[in-house]
C-alpha atoms as a PDB file:
ATOM      1  CA  MET A   1      32.857  -0.578  -6.757  1.00  0.00           C
ATOM      2  CA  PHE A   2      31.214   2.144  -6.047  1.00  0.00           C
ATOM      3  CA  THR A   3      32.079   4.807  -3.479  1.00  0.00           C
ATOM      4  CA  LYS A   4      29.812   5.330   0.438  1.00  0.00           C
ATOM      5  CA  ASN A   5      29.563   8.934  -2.222  1.00  0.00           C
ATOM      6  CA  LYS A   6      27.722   6.778  -4.713  1.00  0.00           C
ATOM      7  CA  LYS A   7      25.684   4.634  -2.563  1.00  0.00           C
ATOM      8  CA  LYS A   8      23.772   7.228  -1.301  1.00  0.00           C
ATOM      9  CA  GLU A   9      23.590   8.871  -4.676  1.00  0.00           C
ATOM     10  CA  ILE A  10      22.111   5.573  -5.616  1.00  0.00           C
ATOM     11  CA  SER A  11      20.060   4.633  -2.389  1.00  0.00           C
ATOM     12  CA  ARG A  12      18.989   8.537  -2.622  1.00  0.00           C
ATOM     13  CA  GLN A  13      17.055   7.867  -6.482  1.00  0.00           C
ATOM     14  CA  PHE A  14      15.300   4.877  -4.861  1.00  0.00           C
ATOM     15  CA  ILE A  15      13.620   6.462  -2.191  1.00  0.00           C
ATOM     16  CA  ILE A  16      12.861   8.857  -4.643  1.00  0.00           C
ATOM     17  CA  ASN A  17      11.857   5.634  -7.333  1.00  0.00           C
ATOM     18  CA  TYR A  18      10.565   3.935  -4.785  1.00  0.00           C
ATOM     19  CA  PHE A  19       7.424   6.164  -3.221  1.00  0.00           C
ATOM     20  CA  SER A  20       6.006   7.460  -7.190  1.00  0.00           C
ATOM     21  CA  PHE A  21       5.635   3.845  -6.806  1.00  0.00           C
ATOM     22  CA  LEU A  22       3.737   3.546  -4.042  1.00  0.00           C
ATOM     23  CA  ASP A  23       2.218   6.245  -5.099  1.00  0.00           C
ATOM     24  CA  TYR A  24       1.220   4.563  -8.924  1.00  0.00           C
ATOM     25  CA  LEU A  25       0.115   1.498  -7.099  1.00  0.00           C
ATOM     26  CA  LYS A  26      -2.580   3.044  -4.560  1.00  0.00           C
ATOM     27  CA  SER A  27      -4.227   4.295  -8.394  1.00  0.00           C
ATOM     28  CA  PHE A  28      -5.221   0.882  -8.556  1.00  0.00           C
ATOM     29  CA  ILE A  29      -7.217   0.954  -5.480  1.00  0.00           C
ATOM     30  CA  VAL A  30     -10.585   1.151  -5.738  1.00  0.00           C
ATOM     31  CA  THR A  31     -12.277  -0.408  -2.023  1.00  0.00           C
ATOM     32  CA  GLN A  32     -11.495   1.037   0.862  1.00  0.00           C
ATOM     33  CA  GLU A  33     -10.664  -2.044   2.576  1.00  0.00           C
ATOM     34  CA  LYS A  34      -7.205  -2.220   0.204  1.00  0.00           C
ATOM     35  CA  GLU A  35      -6.952   1.399   0.386  1.00  0.00           C
ATOM     36  CA  LYS A  36      -6.761   1.196   4.525  1.00  0.00           C
ATOM     37  CA  LEU A  37      -4.202  -1.739   4.532  1.00  0.00           C
ATOM     38  CA  PHE A  38      -1.971   0.014   1.230  1.00  0.00           C
ATOM     39  CA  ASN A  39      -1.966   2.995   3.922  1.00  0.00           C
ATOM     40  CA  THR A  40      -1.078   0.616   6.545  1.00  0.00           C
ATOM     41  CA  PHE A  41       1.822   0.225   4.473  1.00  0.00           C
ATOM     42  CA  TYR A  42       2.885   3.607   3.404  1.00  0.00           C
ATOM     43  CA  ASN A  43       2.421   5.015   6.194  1.00  0.00           C
ATOM     44  CA  LYS A  44       4.877   2.273   7.995  1.00  0.00           C
ATOM     45  CA  ASN A  45       7.037   3.304   5.078  1.00  0.00           C
ATOM     46  CA  LEU A  46       7.710   7.151   5.796  1.00  0.00           C
ATOM     47  CA  LEU A  47       8.378   5.972   9.439  1.00  0.00           C
ATOM     48  CA  LEU A  48      10.602   4.090   7.591  1.00  0.00           C
ATOM     49  CA  LYS A  49      12.108   6.065   5.134  1.00  0.00           C
ATOM     50  CA  LYS A  50      13.441   8.794   7.998  1.00  0.00           C
ATOM     51  CA  ALA A  51      14.942   5.752  10.498  1.00  0.00           C
ATOM     52  CA  ASN A  52      16.027   2.805   8.364  1.00  0.00           C
ATOM     53  CA  PRO A  53      15.619   4.660   4.487  1.00  0.00           C
ATOM     54  CA  SER A  54      18.284   1.735   3.067  1.00  0.00           C
ATOM     55  CA  PHE A  55      16.151  -1.195   4.623  1.00  0.00           C
ATOM     56  CA  PHE A  56      14.180   0.020   1.280  1.00  0.00           C
ATOM     57  CA  VAL A  57      17.061  -0.890  -1.083  1.00  0.00           C
ATOM     58  CA  LYS A  58      18.427  -4.332   0.944  1.00  0.00           C
ATOM     59  CA  LYS A  59      14.710  -5.324   1.110  1.00  0.00           C
ATOM     60  CA  TRP A  60      13.593  -5.016  -2.589  1.00  0.00           C
ATOM     61  CA  TYR A  61      17.260  -6.255  -3.381  1.00  0.00           C
ATOM     62  CA  GLU A  62      15.402  -9.327  -1.718  1.00  0.00           C
ATOM     63  CA  SER A  63      12.517  -9.727  -2.101  1.00  0.00           C
ATOM     64  CA  ILE A  64      12.511  -8.824  -5.780  1.00  0.00           C
ATOM     65  CA  ALA A  65      16.089  -8.076  -7.473  1.00  0.00           C
ATOM     66  CA  ILE A  66      18.211 -11.492  -6.510  1.00  0.00           C
ATOM     67  CA  PRO A  67      15.092 -14.389  -6.478  1.00  0.00           C
ATOM     68  CA  TYR A  68      12.825 -12.411 -10.321  1.00  0.00           C
ATOM     69  CA  HIS A  69      16.302  -9.997 -11.547  1.00  0.00           C
ATOM     70  CA  ILE A  70      17.040 -12.319 -14.972  1.00  0.00           C
ATOM     71  CA  GLN A  71      12.276 -12.301 -15.479  1.00  0.00           C
ATOM     72  CA  ILE A  72      11.853  -8.794 -15.509  1.00  0.00           C
ATOM     73  CA  LEU A  73      15.800  -6.980 -16.567  1.00  0.00           C
ATOM     74  CA  GLU A  74      13.924  -9.823 -20.003  1.00  0.00           C
ATOM     75  CA  ASN A  75      10.579  -7.501 -19.259  1.00  0.00           C
ATOM     76  CA  ASN A  76       9.685 -10.619 -19.174  1.00  0.00           C
ATOM     77  CA  ILE A  77       5.573  -9.674 -18.172  1.00  0.00           C
ATOM     78  CA  ASP A  78       4.741 -13.015 -19.044  1.00  0.00           C
ATOM     79  CA  PHE A  79       6.246 -14.672 -15.751  1.00  0.00           C
ATOM     80  CA  PHE A  80       4.281 -12.474 -13.675  1.00  0.00           C
ATOM     81  CA  LEU A  81       0.267 -12.803 -16.236  1.00  0.00           C
ATOM     82  CA  ASN A  82       1.257 -16.714 -15.635  1.00  0.00           C
ATOM     83  CA  LYS A  83       2.216 -17.303 -12.372  1.00  0.00           C
ATOM     84  CA  ASN A  84      -1.472 -18.168 -10.352  1.00  0.00           C
ATOM     85  CA  GLU A  85      -1.878 -17.644  -6.889  1.00  0.00           C
ATOM     86  CA  ASN A  86      -0.878 -20.311  -5.104  1.00  0.00           C
ATOM     87  CA  GLU A  87       2.337 -20.232  -6.749  1.00  0.00           C
ATOM     88  CA  TYR A  88       2.341 -16.214  -4.958  1.00  0.00           C
ATOM     89  CA  SER A  89       1.366 -18.175  -1.884  1.00  0.00           C
ATOM     90  CA  ASN A  90       4.155 -20.974  -1.968  1.00  0.00           C
ATOM     91  CA  GLU A  91       6.729 -17.968  -2.490  1.00  0.00           C
ATOM     92  CA  LEU A  92       4.891 -15.366   0.555  1.00  0.00           C
ATOM     93  CA  GLN A  93       3.995 -18.722   2.498  1.00  0.00           C
ATOM     94  CA  ASN A  94       5.331 -17.171   5.488  1.00  0.00           C
ATOM     95  CA  ASN A  95       3.912 -13.852   4.983  1.00  0.00           C
ATOM     96  CA  ILE A  96       3.346 -11.467   8.448  1.00  0.00           C
ATOM     97  CA  ASP A  97       0.350  -9.743   8.597  1.00  0.00           C
ATOM     98  CA  ILE A  98       0.447  -5.581   7.092  1.00  0.00           C
ATOM     99  CA  ASN A  99      -0.729  -4.701  10.132  1.00  0.00           C
ATOM    100  CA  SER A 100       2.192  -5.924  12.999  1.00  0.00           C
ATOM    101  CA  GLU A 101       3.974  -3.323  14.560  1.00  0.00           C
ATOM    102  CA  ASN A 102       7.776  -4.962  13.193  1.00  0.00           C
ATOM    103  CA  MET A 103       8.617  -2.679  10.734  1.00  0.00           C
ATOM    104  CA  ASN A 104      11.158  -5.880   9.500  1.00  0.00           C
ATOM    105  CA  ASP A 105       7.776  -7.739   8.091  1.00  0.00           C
ATOM    106  CA  LEU A 106       7.157  -4.889   5.804  1.00  0.00           C
ATOM    107  CA  ARG A 107       6.034  -6.959   2.642  1.00  0.00           C
ATOM    108  CA  ILE A 108       6.680  -5.471  -0.461  1.00  0.00           C
ATOM    109  CA  GLU A 109       6.033  -8.287  -2.509  1.00  0.00           C
ATOM    110  CA  GLU A 110       2.866  -7.998  -1.259  1.00  0.00           C
ATOM    111  CA  ARG A 111       1.496  -4.938  -2.261  1.00  0.00           C
ATOM    112  CA  ILE A 112       2.829  -5.498  -5.762  1.00  0.00           C
ATOM    113  CA  LYS A 113       1.288  -9.268  -5.911  1.00  0.00           C
ATOM    114  CA  GLY A 114      -1.982  -7.335  -5.647  1.00  0.00           C
ATOM    115  CA  CYS A 115      -1.847  -4.949  -8.815  1.00  0.00           C
ATOM    116  CA  ILE A 116       0.152  -7.636 -10.646  1.00  0.00           C
ATOM    117  CA  LYS A 117      -3.153  -9.312 -10.045  1.00  0.00           C
ATOM    118  CA  ASP A 118      -4.916  -7.495 -12.646  1.00  0.00           C
ATOM    119  CA  PHE A 119      -2.668  -6.451 -14.508  1.00  0.00           C
ATOM    120  CA  LYS A 120      -3.790  -7.794 -17.249  1.00  0.00           C
ATOM    121  CA  LYS A 121      -6.948  -5.249 -16.442  1.00  0.00           C
ATOM    122  CA  LEU A 122      -4.375  -2.349 -16.581  1.00  0.00           C
ATOM    123  CA  ASP A 123      -4.337  -0.453 -20.422  1.00  0.00           C
ATOM    124  CA  VAL A 124      -0.707  -0.481 -22.266  1.00  0.00           C
ATOM    125  CA  PHE A 125       0.303   2.618 -21.734  1.00  0.00           C
ATOM    126  CA  GLN A 126      -0.726   1.410 -17.382  1.00  0.00           C
ATOM    127  CA  LYS A 127       1.737  -1.873 -17.937  1.00  0.00           C
ATOM    128  CA  GLU A 128       4.685  -0.514 -18.701  1.00  0.00           C
ATOM    129  CA  GLU A 129       4.936   2.044 -16.833  1.00  0.00           C
ATOM    130  CA  LEU A 130       4.278  -0.252 -13.942  1.00  0.00           C
ATOM    131  CA  VAL A 131       7.764  -3.282 -15.700  1.00  0.00           C
ATOM    132  CA  ASN A 132       9.780   0.591 -16.031  1.00  0.00           C
ATOM    133  CA  ASN A 133       8.638   1.116 -12.554  1.00  0.00           C
ATOM    134  CA  ILE A 134       9.580  -2.509 -10.957  1.00  0.00           C
ATOM    135  CA  LYS A 135      12.590  -2.797 -13.062  1.00  0.00           C
ATOM    136  CA  ASN A 136      14.075   0.582 -12.566  1.00  0.00           C
ATOM    137  CA  LEU A 137      14.068  -0.108  -8.567  1.00  0.00           C
ATOM    138  CA  THR A 138      15.157  -3.582  -9.343  1.00  0.00           C
ATOM    139  CA  MET A 139      18.596  -2.564 -11.143  1.00  0.00           C
ATOM    140  CA  LEU A 140      18.860   0.784  -8.779  1.00  0.00           C
ATOM    141  CA  SER A 141      19.083  -2.721  -5.539  1.00  0.00           C
ATOM    142  CA  ILE A 142      21.671  -4.339  -8.314  1.00  0.00           C
ATOM    143  CA  LEU A 143      23.557  -1.187  -8.603  1.00  0.00           C
ATOM    144  CA  TYR A 144      24.283  -0.520  -4.351  1.00  0.00           C
ATOM    145  CA  TYR A 145      24.650  -3.640  -3.802  1.00  0.00           C
ATOM    146  CA  LYS A 146      27.401  -4.375  -6.626  1.00  0.00           C
ATOM    147  CA  LYS A 147      31.011  -5.371  -6.547  1.00  0.00           C
END
């Protein structure tokens, strides 16, 4: 079990990596409509970062690490490539609009889904960076909750 200081350091590193990842995802946005939605999401993240930084680790852990950690840690890119829109829709059926006033309605996985949807269009280096970012954040969230 980690000390409180070690968990704080993991959380701090997660936040740094998470916002770097969001900046990376933003670089793939091509339409003004998607950019507006993403900016709303990003700004909510900035507000939440000040109020409750550990929220991001928890949200990632619950939304991404728990259901997908095996595929992510095995670098199973095909898992993401072959997952069709209906499967994502079913998993996110309770998704709440990004413009919701409730901070708990932030859907990290929804933002990632938008990028993964165009995964096949990315070059090899972009794919590798995307997968490494997701893997890194997943490992940090698992470490944070490790008992």
